Amino acid sequence: MMSKFKFEKYDDPFKAFNIQMSIICDLEQGGKIDENEAFEQVKALYKQFKHYFKHEHEASSVLEHKAYYDNNKYAYKEEKETE
């Protein structure tokens, strides 16, 4: 069974997902794992990626945008008033 993959270690989680998918496909094509095991690993990897993207990536994105807004909200108000 596949262990939990840490997407947060990578700058581009989509690339990390793609690399892991390629590894699983290569193992199946090379005969190291059967197609049922490959399917289960792909399913587990997708589930982990979906959880990461939905919870951790979105949360960090919201915090980044909040920080940007908090730092620039007065500049935005001043722009609107001068128009």
PDB file of N, CA and C in Angstrom:
ATOM      1  N   MET A   1       0.841  -1.189   0.000  1.00  0.00           N
ATOM      2  CA  MET A   1       0.000   0.000   0.000  1.00  0.00           C
ATOM      3  C   MET A   1       0.883   1.249   0.000  1.00  0.00           C
ATOM      4  N   MET A   2       0.375   2.273  -0.574  1.00  0.00           N
ATOM      5  CA  MET A   2       1.120   3.516  -0.738  1.00  0.00           C
ATOM      6  C   MET A   2       1.097   4.338   0.550  1.00  0.00           C
ATOM      7  N   SER A   3       2.264   4.870   0.930  1.00  0.00           N
ATOM      8  CA  SER A   3       2.306   5.729   2.112  1.00  0.00           C
ATOM      9  C   SER A   3       1.829   7.132   1.742  1.00  0.00           C
ATOM     10  N   LYS A   4       1.539   7.936   2.756  1.00  0.00           N
ATOM     11  CA  LYS A   4       1.018   9.282   2.526  1.00  0.00           C
ATOM     12  C   LYS A   4       2.096  10.143   1.868  1.00  0.00           C
ATOM     13  N   PHE A   5       1.743  10.780   0.769  1.00  0.00           N
ATOM     14  CA  PHE A   5       2.667  11.636   0.011  1.00  0.00           C
ATOM     15  C   PHE A   5       2.530  13.063   0.514  1.00  0.00           C
ATOM     16  N   LYS A   6       3.642  13.754   0.688  1.00  0.00           N
ATOM     17  CA  LYS A   6       3.646  15.118   1.220  1.00  0.00           C
ATOM     18  C   LYS A   6       3.768  16.131   0.084  1.00  0.00           C
ATOM     19  N   PHE A   7       2.619  16.651  -0.377  1.00  0.00           N
ATOM     20  CA  PHE A   7       2.612  17.627  -1.456  1.00  0.00           C
ATOM     21  C   PHE A   7       3.167  18.979  -1.002  1.00  0.00           C
ATOM     22  N   GLU A   8       3.040  19.283   0.286  1.00  0.00           N
ATOM     23  CA  GLU A   8       3.474  20.590   0.766  1.00  0.00           C
ATOM     24  C   GLU A   8       4.993  20.775   0.704  1.00  0.00           C
ATOM     25  N   LYS A   9       5.755  19.696   0.498  1.00  0.00           N
ATOM     26  CA  LYS A   9       7.206  19.810   0.376  1.00  0.00           C
ATOM     27  C   LYS A   9       7.626  20.397  -0.970  1.00  0.00           C
ATOM     28  N   TYR A  10       6.724  20.474  -1.916  1.00  0.00           N
ATOM     29  CA  TYR A  10       7.050  20.883  -3.277  1.00  0.00           C
ATOM     30  C   TYR A  10       6.494  22.266  -3.604  1.00  0.00           C
ATOM     31  N   ASP A  11       7.241  23.014  -4.414  1.00  0.00           N
ATOM     32  CA  ASP A  11       6.771  24.328  -4.857  1.00  0.00           C
ATOM     33  C   ASP A  11       5.561  24.194  -5.781  1.00  0.00           C
ATOM     34  N   ASP A  12       5.565  23.165  -6.599  1.00  0.00           N
ATOM     35  CA  ASP A  12       4.471  22.940  -7.549  1.00  0.00           C
ATOM     36  C   ASP A  12       3.831  21.588  -7.261  1.00  0.00           C
ATOM     37  N   PRO A  13       2.739  21.563  -6.497  1.00  0.00           N
ATOM     38  CA  PRO A  13       2.129  20.270  -6.162  1.00  0.00           C
ATOM     39  C   PRO A  13       1.574  19.529  -7.373  1.00  0.00           C
ATOM     40  N   PHE A  14       1.203  20.254  -8.441  1.00  0.00           N
ATOM     41  CA  PHE A  14       0.717  19.588  -9.653  1.00  0.00           C
ATOM     42  C   PHE A  14       1.838  18.776 -10.307  1.00  0.00           C
ATOM     43  N   LYS A  15       3.045  19.339 -10.309  1.00  0.00           N
ATOM     44  CA  LYS A  15       4.187  18.619 -10.885  1.00  0.00           C
ATOM     45  C   LYS A  15       4.514  17.393 -10.037  1.00  0.00           C
ATOM     46  N   ALA A  16       4.447  17.545  -8.713  1.00  0.00           N
ATOM     47  CA  ALA A  16       4.708  16.413  -7.826  1.00  0.00           C
ATOM     48  C   ALA A  16       3.681  15.304  -8.057  1.00  0.00           C
ATOM     49  N   PHE A  17       2.416  15.687  -8.230  1.00  0.00           N
ATOM     50  CA  PHE A  17       1.359  14.712  -8.521  1.00  0.00           C
ATOM     51  C   PHE A  17       1.655  14.003  -9.838  1.00  0.00           C
ATOM     52  N   ASN A  18       2.052  14.763 -10.859  1.00  0.00           N
ATOM     53  CA  ASN A  18       2.360  14.205 -12.170  1.00  0.00           C
ATOM     54  C   ASN A  18       3.518  13.210 -12.085  1.00  0.00           C
ATOM     55  N   ILE A  19       4.551  13.559 -11.332  1.00  0.00           N
ATOM     56  CA  ILE A  19       5.710  12.661 -11.190  1.00  0.00           C
ATOM     57  C   ILE A  19       5.295  11.359 -10.518  1.00  0.00           C
ATOM     58  N   GLN A  20       4.509  11.457  -9.442  1.00  0.00           N
ATOM     59  CA  GLN A  20       4.073  10.251  -8.746  1.00  0.00           C
ATOM     60  C   GLN A  20       3.180   9.381  -9.631  1.00  0.00           C
ATOM     61  N   MET A  21       2.317  10.022 -10.420  1.00  0.00           N
ATOM     62  CA  MET A  21       1.476   9.270 -11.352  1.00  0.00           C
ATOM     63  C   MET A  21       2.343   8.532 -12.379  1.00  0.00           C
ATOM     64  N   SER A  22       3.366   9.202 -12.872  1.00  0.00           N
ATOM     65  CA  SER A  22       4.266   8.579 -13.847  1.00  0.00           C
ATOM     66  C   SER A  22       4.981   7.377 -13.243  1.00  0.00           C
ATOM     67  N   ILE A  23       5.403   7.499 -11.994  1.00  0.00           N
ATOM     68  CA  ILE A  23       6.084   6.389 -11.329  1.00  0.00           C
ATOM     69  C   ILE A  23       5.148   5.185 -11.213  1.00  0.00           C
ATOM     70  N   ILE A  24       3.920   5.430 -10.795  1.00  0.00           N
ATOM     71  CA  ILE A  24       2.944   4.336 -10.663  1.00  0.00           C
ATOM     72  C   ILE A  24       2.704   3.671 -12.020  1.00  0.00           C
ATOM     73  N   CYS A  25       2.522   4.484 -13.054  1.00  0.00           N
ATOM     74  CA  CYS A  25       2.293   3.932 -14.407  1.00  0.00           C
ATOM     75  C   CYS A  25       3.500   3.146 -14.893  1.00  0.00           C
ATOM     76  N   ASP A  26       4.699   3.647 -14.644  1.00  0.00           N
ATOM     77  CA  ASP A  26       5.912   2.948 -15.066  1.00  0.00           C
ATOM     78  C   ASP A  26       6.069   1.616 -14.327  1.00  0.00           C
ATOM     79  N   LEU A  27       5.751   1.597 -13.041  1.00  0.00           N
ATOM     80  CA  LEU A  27       5.830   0.340 -12.288  1.00  0.00           C
ATOM     81  C   LEU A  27       4.848  -0.692 -12.840  1.00  0.00           C
ATOM     82  N   GLU A  28       3.664  -0.232 -13.198  1.00  0.00           N
ATOM     83  CA  GLU A  28       2.656  -1.151 -13.750  1.00  0.00           C
ATOM     84  C   GLU A  28       3.069  -1.649 -15.130  1.00  0.00           C
ATOM     85  N   GLN A  29       3.569  -0.747 -15.961  1.00  0.00           N
ATOM     86  CA  GLN A  29       3.989  -1.155 -17.307  1.00  0.00           C
ATOM     87  C   GLN A  29       5.204  -2.068 -17.270  1.00  0.00           C
ATOM     88  N   GLY A  30       6.052  -1.877 -16.275  1.00  0.00           N
ATOM     89  CA  GLY A  30       7.243  -2.717 -16.142  1.00  0.00           C
ATOM     90  C   GLY A  30       6.977  -4.047 -15.467  1.00  0.00           C
ATOM     91  N   GLY A  31       5.749  -4.254 -15.028  1.00  0.00           N
ATOM     92  CA  GLY A  31       5.401  -5.533 -14.418  1.00  0.00           C
ATOM     93  C   GLY A  31       5.752  -5.643 -12.946  1.00  0.00           C
ATOM     94  N   LYS A  32       6.146  -4.556 -12.314  1.00  0.00           N
ATOM     95  CA  LYS A  32       6.502  -4.594 -10.889  1.00  0.00           C
ATOM     96  C   LYS A  32       5.262  -4.638  -9.991  1.00  0.00           C
ATOM     97  N   ILE A  33       4.167  -4.048 -10.467  1.00  0.00           N
ATOM     98  CA  ILE A  33       2.888  -4.130  -9.753  1.00  0.00           C
ATOM     99  C   ILE A  33       1.806  -4.464 -10.780  1.00  0.00           C
ATOM    100  N   ASP A  34       0.736  -5.129 -10.318  1.00  0.00           N
ATOM    101  CA  ASP A  34      -0.339  -5.454 -11.263  1.00  0.00           C
ATOM    102  C   ASP A  34      -1.266  -4.253 -11.428  1.00  0.00           C
ATOM    103  N   GLU A  35      -2.187  -4.347 -12.396  1.00  0.00           N
ATOM    104  CA  GLU A  35      -3.022  -3.182 -12.708  1.00  0.00           C
ATOM    105  C   GLU A  35      -3.993  -2.830 -11.588  1.00  0.00           C
ATOM    106  N   ASN A  36      -4.406  -3.802 -10.791  1.00  0.00           N
ATOM    107  CA  ASN A  36      -5.279  -3.501  -9.650  1.00  0.00           C
ATOM    108  C   ASN A  36      -4.534  -2.699  -8.583  1.00  0.00           C
ATOM    109  N   GLU A  37      -3.297  -3.096  -8.312  1.00  0.00           N
ATOM    110  CA  GLU A  37      -2.479  -2.355  -7.345  1.00  0.00           C
ATOM    111  C   GLU A  37      -2.199  -0.943  -7.858  1.00  0.00           C
ATOM    112  N   ALA A  38      -1.922  -0.810  -9.149  1.00  0.00           N
ATOM    113  CA  ALA A  38      -1.687   0.514  -9.740  1.00  0.00           C
ATOM    114  C   ALA A  38      -2.940   1.379  -9.603  1.00  0.00           C
ATOM    115  N   PHE A  39      -4.097   0.789  -9.871  1.00  0.00           N
ATOM    116  CA  PHE A  39      -5.354   1.531  -9.749  1.00  0.00           C
ATOM    117  C   PHE A  39      -5.560   2.005  -8.312  1.00  0.00           C
ATOM    118  N   GLU A  40      -5.320   1.127  -7.354  1.00  0.00           N
ATOM    119  CA  GLU A  40      -5.483   1.496  -5.941  1.00  0.00           C
ATOM    120  C   GLU A  40      -4.510   2.612  -5.547  1.00  0.00           C
ATOM    121  N   GLN A  41      -3.278   2.550  -6.052  1.00  0.00           N
ATOM    122  CA  GLN A  41      -2.296   3.594  -5.741  1.00  0.00           C
ATOM    123  C   GLN A  41      -2.681   4.927  -6.379  1.00  0.00           C
ATOM    124  N   VAL A  42      -3.171   4.886  -7.615  1.00  0.00           N
ATOM    125  CA  VAL A  42      -3.617   6.114  -8.287  1.00  0.00           C
ATOM    126  C   VAL A  42      -4.788   6.718  -7.516  1.00  0.00           C
ATOM    127  N   LYS A  43      -5.729   5.872  -7.115  1.00  0.00           N
ATOM    128  CA  LYS A  43      -6.893   6.335  -6.361  1.00  0.00           C
ATOM    129  C   LYS A  43      -6.456   6.972  -5.035  1.00  0.00           C
ATOM    130  N   ALA A  44      -5.524   6.337  -4.332  1.00  0.00           N
ATOM    131  CA  ALA A  44      -5.040   6.868  -3.049  1.00  0.00           C
ATOM    132  C   ALA A  44      -4.284   8.185  -3.257  1.00  0.00           C
ATOM    133  N   LEU A  45      -3.466   8.241  -4.305  1.00  0.00           N
ATOM    134  CA  LEU A  45      -2.713   9.464  -4.586  1.00  0.00           C
ATOM    135  C   LEU A  45      -3.658  10.610  -4.923  1.00  0.00           C
ATOM    136  N   TYR A  46      -4.662  10.336  -5.739  1.00  0.00           N
ATOM    137  CA  TYR A  46      -5.626  11.369  -6.102  1.00  0.00           C
ATOM    138  C   TYR A  46      -6.380  11.864  -4.869  1.00  0.00           C
ATOM    139  N   LYS A  47      -6.773  10.942  -4.013  1.00  0.00           N
ATOM    140  CA  LYS A  47      -7.491  11.316  -2.799  1.00  0.00           C
ATOM    141  C   LYS A  47      -6.618  12.211  -1.910  1.00  0.00           C
ATOM    142  N   GLN A  48      -5.331  11.878  -1.775  1.00  0.00           N
ATOM    143  CA  GLN A  48      -4.402  12.697  -0.985  1.00  0.00           C
ATOM    144  C   GLN A  48      -4.228  14.070  -1.607  1.00  0.00           C
ATOM    145  N   PHE A  49      -4.087  14.112  -2.945  1.00  0.00           N
ATOM    146  CA  PHE A  49      -3.898  15.386  -3.631  1.00  0.00           C
ATOM    147  C   PHE A  49      -5.141  16.262  -3.481  1.00  0.00           C
ATOM    148  N   LYS A  50      -6.298  15.656  -3.637  1.00  0.00           N
ATOM    149  CA  LYS A  50      -7.549  16.391  -3.505  1.00  0.00           C
ATOM    150  C   LYS A  50      -7.685  16.974  -2.093  1.00  0.00           C
ATOM    151  N   HIS A  51      -7.364  16.183  -1.072  1.00  0.00           N
ATOM    152  CA  HIS A  51      -7.420  16.665   0.305  1.00  0.00           C
ATOM    153  C   HIS A  51      -6.425  17.800   0.515  1.00  0.00           C
ATOM    154  N   TYR A  52      -5.185  17.620   0.023  1.00  0.00           N
ATOM    155  CA  TYR A  52      -4.172  18.662   0.158  1.00  0.00           C
ATOM    156  C   TYR A  52      -4.652  19.955  -0.493  1.00  0.00           C
ATOM    157  N   PHE A  53      -5.108  19.842  -1.727  1.00  0.00           N
ATOM    158  CA  PHE A  53      -5.473  21.048  -2.473  1.00  0.00           C
ATOM    159  C   PHE A  53      -6.683  21.729  -1.856  1.00  0.00           C
ATOM    160  N   LYS A  54      -7.651  20.942  -1.414  1.00  0.00           N
ATOM    161  CA  LYS A  54      -8.877  21.504  -0.867  1.00  0.00           C
ATOM    162  C   LYS A  54      -8.646  22.160   0.494  1.00  0.00           C
ATOM    163  N   HIS A  55      -7.840  21.571   1.333  1.00  0.00           N
ATOM    164  CA  HIS A  55      -7.685  22.061   2.693  1.00  0.00           C
ATOM    165  C   HIS A  55      -6.428  22.906   2.891  1.00  0.00           C
ATOM    166  N   GLU A  56      -5.285  22.330   2.620  1.00  0.00           N
ATOM    167  CA  GLU A  56      -4.039  23.009   2.958  1.00  0.00           C
ATOM    168  C   GLU A  56      -3.670  24.097   1.958  1.00  0.00           C
ATOM    169  N   HIS A  57      -3.796  23.810   0.671  1.00  0.00           N
ATOM    170  CA  HIS A  57      -3.439  24.796  -0.345  1.00  0.00           C
ATOM    171  C   HIS A  57      -4.401  25.977  -0.312  1.00  0.00           C
ATOM    172  N   GLU A  58      -5.701  25.700  -0.240  1.00  0.00           N
ATOM    173  CA  GLU A  58      -6.686  26.780  -0.189  1.00  0.00           C
ATOM    174  C   GLU A  58      -6.505  27.622   1.063  1.00  0.00           C
ATOM    175  N   ALA A  59      -6.232  26.982   2.197  1.00  0.00           N
ATOM    176  CA  ALA A  59      -6.054  27.726   3.445  1.00  0.00           C
ATOM    177  C   ALA A  59      -4.849  28.654   3.353  1.00  0.00           C
ATOM    178  N   SER A  60      -3.743  28.167   2.809  1.00  0.00           N
ATOM    179  CA  SER A  60      -2.560  29.029   2.684  1.00  0.00           C
ATOM    180  C   SER A  60      -2.815  30.145   1.671  1.00  0.00           C
ATOM    181  N   SER A  61      -3.571  29.840   0.616  1.00  0.00           N
ATOM    182  CA  SER A  61      -3.889  30.855  -0.383  1.00  0.00           C
ATOM    183  C   SER A  61      -4.768  31.946   0.214  1.00  0.00           C
ATOM    184  N   VAL A  62      -5.752  31.550   1.009  1.00  0.00           N
ATOM    185  CA  VAL A  62      -6.630  32.531   1.657  1.00  0.00           C
ATOM    186  C   VAL A  62      -5.826  33.417   2.589  1.00  0.00           C
ATOM    187  N   LEU A  63      -4.923  32.818   3.356  1.00  0.00           N
ATOM    188  CA  LEU A  63      -4.105  33.604   4.279  1.00  0.00           C
ATOM    189  C   LEU A  63      -3.190  34.568   3.533  1.00  0.00           C
ATOM    190  N   GLU A  64      -2.622  34.120   2.410  1.00  0.00           N
ATOM    191  CA  GLU A  64      -1.766  35.004   1.614  1.00  0.00           C
ATOM    192  C   GLU A  64      -2.562  36.180   1.069  1.00  0.00           C
ATOM    193  N   HIS A  65      -3.755  35.906   0.537  1.00  0.00           N
ATOM    194  CA  HIS A  65      -4.573  36.979  -0.015  1.00  0.00           C
ATOM    195  C   HIS A  65      -5.071  37.918   1.072  1.00  0.00           C
ATOM    196  N   LYS A  66      -5.361  37.377   2.252  1.00  0.00           N
ATOM    197  CA  LYS A  66      -5.797  38.208   3.366  1.00  0.00           C
ATOM    198  C   LYS A  66      -4.669  39.141   3.778  1.00  0.00           C
ATOM    199  N   ALA A  67      -3.459  38.602   3.867  1.00  0.00           N
ATOM    200  CA  ALA A  67      -2.310  39.429   4.236  1.00  0.00           C
ATOM    201  C   ALA A  67      -2.082  40.520   3.194  1.00  0.00           C
ATOM    202  N   TYR A  68      -2.208  40.186   1.921  1.00  0.00           N
ATOM    203  CA  TYR A  68      -2.040  41.174   0.855  1.00  0.00           C
ATOM    204  C   TYR A  68      -3.112  42.259   0.969  1.00  0.00           C
ATOM    205  N   TYR A  69      -4.355  41.835   1.211  1.00  0.00           N
ATOM    206  CA  TYR A  69      -5.439  42.802   1.354  1.00  0.00           C
ATOM    207  C   TYR A  69      -5.207  43.700   2.562  1.00  0.00           C
ATOM    208  N   ASP A  70      -4.848  43.105   3.688  1.00  0.00           N
ATOM    209  CA  ASP A  70      -4.617  43.901   4.898  1.00  0.00           C
ATOM    210  C   ASP A  70      -3.502  44.924   4.691  1.00  0.00           C
ATOM    211  N   ASN A  71      -2.475  44.546   3.951  1.00  0.00           N
ATOM    212  CA  ASN A  71      -1.351  45.464   3.719  1.00  0.00           C
ATOM    213  C   ASN A  71      -1.678  46.544   2.702  1.00  0.00           C
ATOM    214  N   ASN A  72      -2.655  46.312   1.824  1.00  0.00           N
ATOM    215  CA  ASN A  72      -2.921  47.239   0.728  1.00  0.00           C
ATOM    216  C   ASN A  72      -4.323  47.845   0.740  1.00  0.00           C
ATOM    217  N   LYS A  73      -5.102  47.602   1.766  1.00  0.00           N
ATOM    218  CA  LYS A  73      -6.486  48.066   1.747  1.00  0.00           C
ATOM    219  C   LYS A  73      -6.586  49.589   1.785  1.00  0.00           C
ATOM    220  N   TYR A  74      -5.658  50.242   2.452  1.00  0.00           N
ATOM    221  CA  TYR A  74      -5.733  51.705   2.516  1.00  0.00           C
ATOM    222  C   TYR A  74      -5.333  52.324   1.178  1.00  0.00           C
ATOM    223  N   ALA A  75      -4.373  51.718   0.489  1.00  0.00           N
ATOM    224  CA  ALA A  75      -3.987  52.202  -0.832  1.00  0.00           C
ATOM    225  C   ALA A  75      -5.154  52.051  -1.802  1.00  0.00           C
ATOM    226  N   TYR A  76      -5.897  50.952  -1.681  1.00  0.00           N
ATOM    227  CA  TYR A  76      -7.049  50.719  -2.556  1.00  0.00           C
ATOM    228  C   TYR A  76      -8.140  51.753  -2.278  1.00  0.00           C
ATOM    229  N   LYS A  77      -8.387  52.061  -1.003  1.00  0.00           N
ATOM    230  CA  LYS A  77      -9.392  53.065  -0.658  1.00  0.00           C
ATOM    231  C   LYS A  77      -9.010  54.447  -1.201  1.00  0.00           C
ATOM    232  N   GLU A  78      -7.722  54.774  -1.113  1.00  0.00           N
ATOM    233  CA  GLU A  78      -7.261  56.064  -1.612  1.00  0.00           C
ATOM    234  C   GLU A  78      -7.425  56.167  -3.115  1.00  0.00           C
ATOM    235  N   GLU A  79      -7.167  55.067  -3.851  1.00  0.00           N
ATOM    236  CA  GLU A  79      -7.353  55.053  -5.298  1.00  0.00           C
ATOM    237  C   GLU A  79      -8.804  55.281  -5.652  1.00  0.00           C
ATOM    238  N   LYS A  80      -9.725  54.645  -4.941  1.00  0.00           N
ATOM    239  CA  LYS A  80     -11.145  54.787  -5.222  1.00  0.00           C
ATOM    240  C   LYS A  80     -11.619  56.215  -4.949  1.00  0.00           C
ATOM    241  N   GLU A  81     -11.090  56.851  -3.921  1.00  0.00           N
ATOM    242  CA  GLU A  81     -11.498  58.204  -3.564  1.00  0.00           C
ATOM    243  C   GLU A  81     -10.998  59.232  -4.555  1.00  0.00           C
ATOM    244  N   THR A  82      -9.838  59.021  -5.147  1.00  0.00           N
ATOM    245  CA  THR A  82      -9.264  59.993  -6.088  1.00  0.00           C
ATOM    246  C   THR A  82      -9.897  59.903  -7.476  1.00  0.00           C
ATOM    247  N   GLU A  83     -10.598  58.840  -7.755  1.00  0.00           N
ATOM    248  CA  GLU A  83     -11.221  58.664  -9.076  1.00  0.00           C
ATOM    249  C   GLU A  83     -12.420  59.517  -9.254  1.00  0.00           C
TER     250      GLU A  83
END
